[in-house]
């Protein structure tokens, strides 16, 4: 079964911000990182349930999963046949709160 991927606006903003930050130090690395994270997100089309529940699941009361990508966590939820990518957070950041 192949799942549809929906990238929420906040997740797009997270990716753009991380890419812009990296580009200050290495534009080439930022470009590769951007392509690679898109590939990681696309991999969720197949077997998204391979990823464990994120700590945020308890706070939000819903099954939020995370895919570890280097130093980043791709936070997503699965509803029916759709994967909703909610946020992309650096692992040094605190757990996502409802007010974010």
N, C-alpha and C. Protein backbone atom coordinates (compact mmCIF):
# COMPACT_ATOMS: atom_id res chain seq x y z
N UNK A 1 0.84 -1.18 0.00
CA UNK A 1 0.00 0.00 0.00
C UNK A 1 0.89 1.24 0.00
N UNK A 2 0.53 2.20 -0.80
CA UNK A 2 1.27 3.46 -0.88
C UNK A 2 0.43 4.57 -0.27
N UNK A 3 1.05 5.32 0.62
CA UNK A 3 0.36 6.41 1.31
C UNK A 3 0.64 7.73 0.62
N UNK A 4 -0.35 8.60 0.63
CA UNK A 4 -0.17 9.96 0.12
C UNK A 4 0.56 10.76 1.20
N UNK A 5 1.43 11.67 0.79
CA UNK A 5 2.17 12.52 1.72
C UNK A 5 1.64 13.95 1.61
N UNK A 6 1.28 14.52 2.75
CA UNK A 6 0.89 15.93 2.83
C UNK A 6 1.90 16.62 3.74
N UNK A 7 2.60 17.60 3.22
CA UNK A 7 3.56 18.37 3.99
C UNK A 7 2.87 19.62 4.50
N UNK A 8 2.65 19.67 5.81
CA UNK A 8 1.97 20.82 6.41
C UNK A 8 2.85 22.07 6.30
N UNK A 9 2.23 23.23 6.31
CA UNK A 9 2.94 24.50 6.15
C UNK A 9 4.06 24.66 7.19
N UNK A 10 3.79 24.28 8.43
CA UNK A 10 4.80 24.41 9.48
C UNK A 10 6.03 23.55 9.18
N UNK A 11 5.81 22.36 8.64
CA UNK A 11 6.92 21.48 8.28
C UNK A 11 7.74 22.09 7.15
N UNK A 12 7.06 22.66 6.16
CA UNK A 12 7.77 23.35 5.08
C UNK A 12 8.61 24.49 5.62
N UNK A 13 8.05 25.26 6.55
CA UNK A 13 8.79 26.37 7.15
C UNK A 13 9.99 25.86 7.94
N UNK A 14 9.82 24.75 8.65
CA UNK A 14 10.93 24.16 9.40
C UNK A 14 12.07 23.76 8.45
N UNK A 15 11.72 23.13 7.35
CA UNK A 15 12.73 22.70 6.37
C UNK A 15 13.42 23.91 5.76
N UNK A 16 12.64 24.91 5.39
CA UNK A 16 13.22 26.13 4.81
C UNK A 16 14.17 26.82 5.79
N UNK A 17 13.78 26.89 7.06
CA UNK A 17 14.62 27.54 8.07
C UNK A 17 15.93 26.77 8.28
N UNK A 18 15.84 25.45 8.36
CA UNK A 18 17.04 24.64 8.55
C UNK A 18 17.96 24.74 7.34
N UNK A 19 17.38 24.74 6.15
CA UNK A 19 18.17 24.86 4.92
C UNK A 19 18.86 26.22 4.87
N UNK A 20 18.15 27.27 5.21
CA UNK A 20 18.73 28.63 5.20
C UNK A 20 19.87 28.73 6.20
N UNK A 21 19.69 28.15 7.38
CA UNK A 21 20.74 28.19 8.40
C UNK A 21 21.98 27.46 7.90
N UNK A 22 21.81 26.27 7.32
CA UNK A 22 22.94 25.50 6.80
C UNK A 22 23.63 26.23 5.65
N UNK A 23 22.85 26.90 4.82
CA UNK A 23 23.39 27.59 3.65
C UNK A 23 24.35 28.71 4.04
N UNK A 24 24.19 29.25 5.23
CA UNK A 24 25.11 30.29 5.70
C UNK A 24 26.53 29.75 5.81
N UNK A 25 26.66 28.47 6.11
CA UNK A 25 27.95 27.85 6.33
C UNK A 25 28.42 27.03 5.14
N UNK A 26 27.48 26.40 4.46
CA UNK A 26 27.82 25.56 3.31
C UNK A 26 26.60 25.43 2.40
N UNK A 27 26.53 26.27 1.37
CA UNK A 27 25.39 26.18 0.44
C UNK A 27 25.25 24.79 -0.19
N UNK A 28 26.39 24.17 -0.48
CA UNK A 28 26.34 22.84 -1.09
C UNK A 28 25.73 21.82 -0.13
N UNK A 29 26.16 21.85 1.12
CA UNK A 29 25.61 20.93 2.12
C UNK A 29 24.11 21.17 2.29
N UNK A 30 23.71 22.42 2.30
CA UNK A 30 22.29 22.76 2.46
C UNK A 30 21.46 22.19 1.32
N UNK A 31 21.99 22.29 0.12
CA UNK A 31 21.28 21.76 -1.06
C UNK A 31 21.12 20.25 -0.95
N UNK A 32 22.22 19.56 -0.62
CA UNK A 32 22.15 18.10 -0.48
C UNK A 32 21.20 17.70 0.65
N UNK A 33 21.27 18.41 1.78
CA UNK A 33 20.40 18.11 2.91
C UNK A 33 18.94 18.24 2.51
N UNK A 34 18.63 19.29 1.76
CA UNK A 34 17.25 19.53 1.33
C UNK A 34 16.75 18.38 0.45
N UNK A 35 17.58 17.94 -0.48
CA UNK A 35 17.19 16.80 -1.33
C UNK A 35 17.02 15.53 -0.49
N UNK A 36 17.96 15.32 0.43
CA UNK A 36 17.93 14.10 1.24
C UNK A 36 16.72 14.06 2.18
N UNK A 37 16.36 15.19 2.77
CA UNK A 37 15.20 15.17 3.67
C UNK A 37 13.91 14.95 2.87
N UNK A 38 13.87 15.46 1.65
CA UNK A 38 12.71 15.20 0.81
C UNK A 38 12.60 13.70 0.51
N UNK A 39 13.76 13.06 0.25
CA UNK A 39 13.76 11.61 0.02
C UNK A 39 13.29 10.86 1.27
N UNK A 40 13.74 11.31 2.44
CA UNK A 40 13.32 10.67 3.69
C UNK A 40 11.81 10.78 3.87
N UNK A 41 11.28 11.97 3.61
CA UNK A 41 9.84 12.18 3.72
C UNK A 41 9.10 11.30 2.71
N UNK A 42 9.61 11.25 1.49
CA UNK A 42 8.98 10.41 0.47
C UNK A 42 8.98 8.93 0.86
N UNK A 43 9.98 8.52 1.65
CA UNK A 43 10.04 7.11 2.06
C UNK A 43 8.86 6.72 2.95
N UNK A 44 8.18 7.72 3.51
CA UNK A 44 7.02 7.45 4.35
C UNK A 44 5.82 6.96 3.54
N UNK A 45 5.91 7.04 2.21
CA UNK A 45 4.84 6.51 1.37
C UNK A 45 4.69 5.01 1.58
N UNK A 46 5.78 4.36 1.95
CA UNK A 46 5.78 2.91 2.17
C UNK A 46 6.11 2.63 3.63
N UNK A 47 5.25 1.93 4.30
CA UNK A 47 5.46 1.48 5.68
C UNK A 47 5.71 2.62 6.67
N UNK A 48 4.85 3.61 6.75
CA UNK A 48 5.09 4.69 7.72
C UNK A 48 5.03 4.19 9.17
N UNK A 49 4.37 3.05 9.38
CA UNK A 49 4.25 2.53 10.74
C UNK A 49 5.54 1.86 11.23
N UNK A 50 6.56 1.85 10.38
CA UNK A 50 7.87 1.35 10.82
C UNK A 50 8.50 2.31 11.83
N UNK A 51 8.03 3.54 11.83
CA UNK A 51 8.58 4.58 12.70
C UNK A 51 7.88 4.54 14.06
N UNK A 52 8.65 4.72 15.13
CA UNK A 52 8.05 4.65 16.46
C UNK A 52 7.20 5.86 16.80
N UNK A 53 6.39 5.69 17.83
CA UNK A 53 5.63 6.83 18.34
C UNK A 53 6.59 7.84 18.95
N UNK A 54 6.31 9.10 18.72
CA UNK A 54 7.11 10.19 19.27
C UNK A 54 6.63 10.52 20.68
N UNK A 55 7.49 11.12 21.50
CA UNK A 55 7.07 11.54 22.84
C UNK A 55 5.85 12.46 22.81
N UNK A 56 5.68 13.20 21.72
CA UNK A 56 4.56 14.12 21.59
C UNK A 56 3.21 13.43 21.59
N UNK A 57 3.18 12.13 21.32
CA UNK A 57 1.91 11.40 21.29
C UNK A 57 1.15 11.52 22.60
N UNK A 58 1.86 11.46 23.71
CA UNK A 58 1.20 11.57 25.02
C UNK A 58 0.58 12.94 25.20
N UNK A 59 1.33 13.97 24.86
CA UNK A 59 0.87 15.35 25.04
C UNK A 59 -0.34 15.66 24.18
N UNK A 60 -0.29 15.22 22.93
CA UNK A 60 -1.35 15.56 21.98
C UNK A 60 -2.50 14.56 21.99
N UNK A 61 -2.31 13.41 22.64
CA UNK A 61 -3.37 12.42 22.72
C UNK A 61 -3.70 11.78 21.39
N UNK A 62 -2.75 11.76 20.48
CA UNK A 62 -2.94 11.12 19.19
C UNK A 62 -1.62 10.48 18.78
N UNK A 63 -1.67 9.55 17.86
CA UNK A 63 -0.48 8.84 17.44
C UNK A 63 0.38 9.71 16.53
N UNK A 64 1.37 10.35 17.11
CA UNK A 64 2.35 11.12 16.35
C UNK A 64 3.62 10.28 16.31
N UNK A 65 4.10 10.04 15.13
CA UNK A 65 5.30 9.23 14.93
C UNK A 65 6.46 10.12 14.52
N UNK A 66 7.66 9.57 14.62
CA UNK A 66 8.80 10.34 14.13
C UNK A 66 9.77 9.45 13.37
N UNK A 67 10.31 10.04 12.33
CA UNK A 67 11.35 9.43 11.53
C UNK A 67 12.62 10.21 11.84
N UNK A 68 13.64 9.51 12.31
CA UNK A 68 14.91 10.17 12.62
C UNK A 68 15.67 10.35 11.32
N UNK A 69 16.08 11.59 11.08
CA UNK A 69 16.85 11.93 9.88
C UNK A 69 18.06 12.73 10.34
N UNK A 70 19.19 12.05 10.49
CA UNK A 70 20.38 12.72 11.00
C UNK A 70 20.10 13.28 12.38
N UNK A 71 20.27 14.59 12.53
CA UNK A 71 20.02 15.26 13.81
C UNK A 71 18.60 15.81 13.89
N UNK A 72 17.76 15.43 12.96
CA UNK A 72 16.39 15.96 12.90
C UNK A 72 15.37 14.86 13.11
N UNK A 73 14.21 15.27 13.58
CA UNK A 73 13.06 14.37 13.73
C UNK A 73 11.95 14.87 12.82
N UNK A 74 11.47 14.02 11.96
CA UNK A 74 10.33 14.33 11.09
C UNK A 74 9.09 13.82 11.82
N UNK A 75 8.26 14.73 12.29
CA UNK A 75 7.06 14.37 13.05
C UNK A 75 5.88 14.26 12.10
N UNK A 76 5.15 13.17 12.22
CA UNK A 76 4.02 12.96 11.31
C UNK A 76 2.94 12.12 11.97
N UNK A 77 1.78 12.16 11.37
CA UNK A 77 0.68 11.31 11.79
C UNK A 77 0.09 10.65 10.55
N UNK A 78 -0.54 9.52 10.75
CA UNK A 78 -1.14 8.78 9.64
C UNK A 78 -2.64 8.72 9.88
N UNK A 79 -3.40 9.21 8.90
CA UNK A 79 -4.86 9.14 8.96
C UNK A 79 -5.33 8.49 7.66
N UNK A 80 -5.98 7.36 7.80
CA UNK A 80 -6.42 6.56 6.65
C UNK A 80 -5.22 6.25 5.77
N UNK A 81 -5.21 6.70 4.52
CA UNK A 81 -4.10 6.41 3.62
C UNK A 81 -3.23 7.63 3.37
N UNK A 82 -3.21 8.55 4.33
CA UNK A 82 -2.45 9.79 4.17
C UNK A 82 -1.50 9.99 5.34
N UNK A 83 -0.26 10.36 5.02
CA UNK A 83 0.74 10.73 6.01
C UNK A 83 0.81 12.25 6.03
N UNK A 84 0.55 12.83 7.19
CA UNK A 84 0.63 14.28 7.36
C UNK A 84 1.93 14.60 8.09
N UNK A 85 2.85 15.24 7.39
CA UNK A 85 4.11 15.65 8.01
C UNK A 85 3.83 16.97 8.72
N UNK A 86 3.93 16.93 10.05
CA UNK A 86 3.53 18.06 10.88
C UNK A 86 4.65 19.06 11.10
N UNK A 87 5.82 18.56 11.48
CA UNK A 87 6.95 19.43 11.80
C UNK A 87 8.24 18.68 11.51
N UNK A 88 9.32 19.44 11.38
CA UNK A 88 10.67 18.89 11.30
C UNK A 88 11.48 19.65 12.35
N UNK A 89 11.97 18.91 13.34
CA UNK A 89 12.63 19.55 14.48
C UNK A 89 14.02 18.98 14.70
N UNK A 90 14.94 19.87 15.05
CA UNK A 90 16.29 19.43 15.42
C UNK A 90 16.18 18.64 16.71
N UNK A 91 16.98 17.61 16.84
CA UNK A 91 16.90 16.76 18.03
C UNK A 91 17.27 17.51 19.32
N UNK A 92 17.97 18.63 19.21
CA UNK A 92 18.31 19.42 20.40
C UNK A 92 17.13 20.27 20.89
N UNK A 93 16.10 20.40 20.05
CA UNK A 93 14.93 21.17 20.46
C UNK A 93 14.09 20.37 21.45
N UNK A 94 13.39 21.09 22.30
CA UNK A 94 12.47 20.44 23.23
C UNK A 94 11.36 19.73 22.46
N UNK A 95 10.67 18.86 23.15
CA UNK A 95 9.51 18.17 22.58
C UNK A 95 8.47 19.22 22.18
N UNK A 96 7.81 18.99 21.07
CA UNK A 96 6.79 19.90 20.56
C UNK A 96 5.67 20.06 21.57
N UNK A 97 5.25 21.31 21.77
CA UNK A 97 4.15 21.61 22.70
C UNK A 97 2.92 22.01 21.89
N UNK A 98 1.75 21.87 22.48
CA UNK A 98 0.51 22.22 21.76
C UNK A 98 0.45 23.68 21.30
N UNK A 99 1.16 24.58 21.98
CA UNK A 99 1.10 25.99 21.60
C UNK A 99 2.09 26.35 20.49
N UNK A 100 2.79 25.36 19.95
CA UNK A 100 3.75 25.65 18.87
C UNK A 100 3.15 25.34 17.52
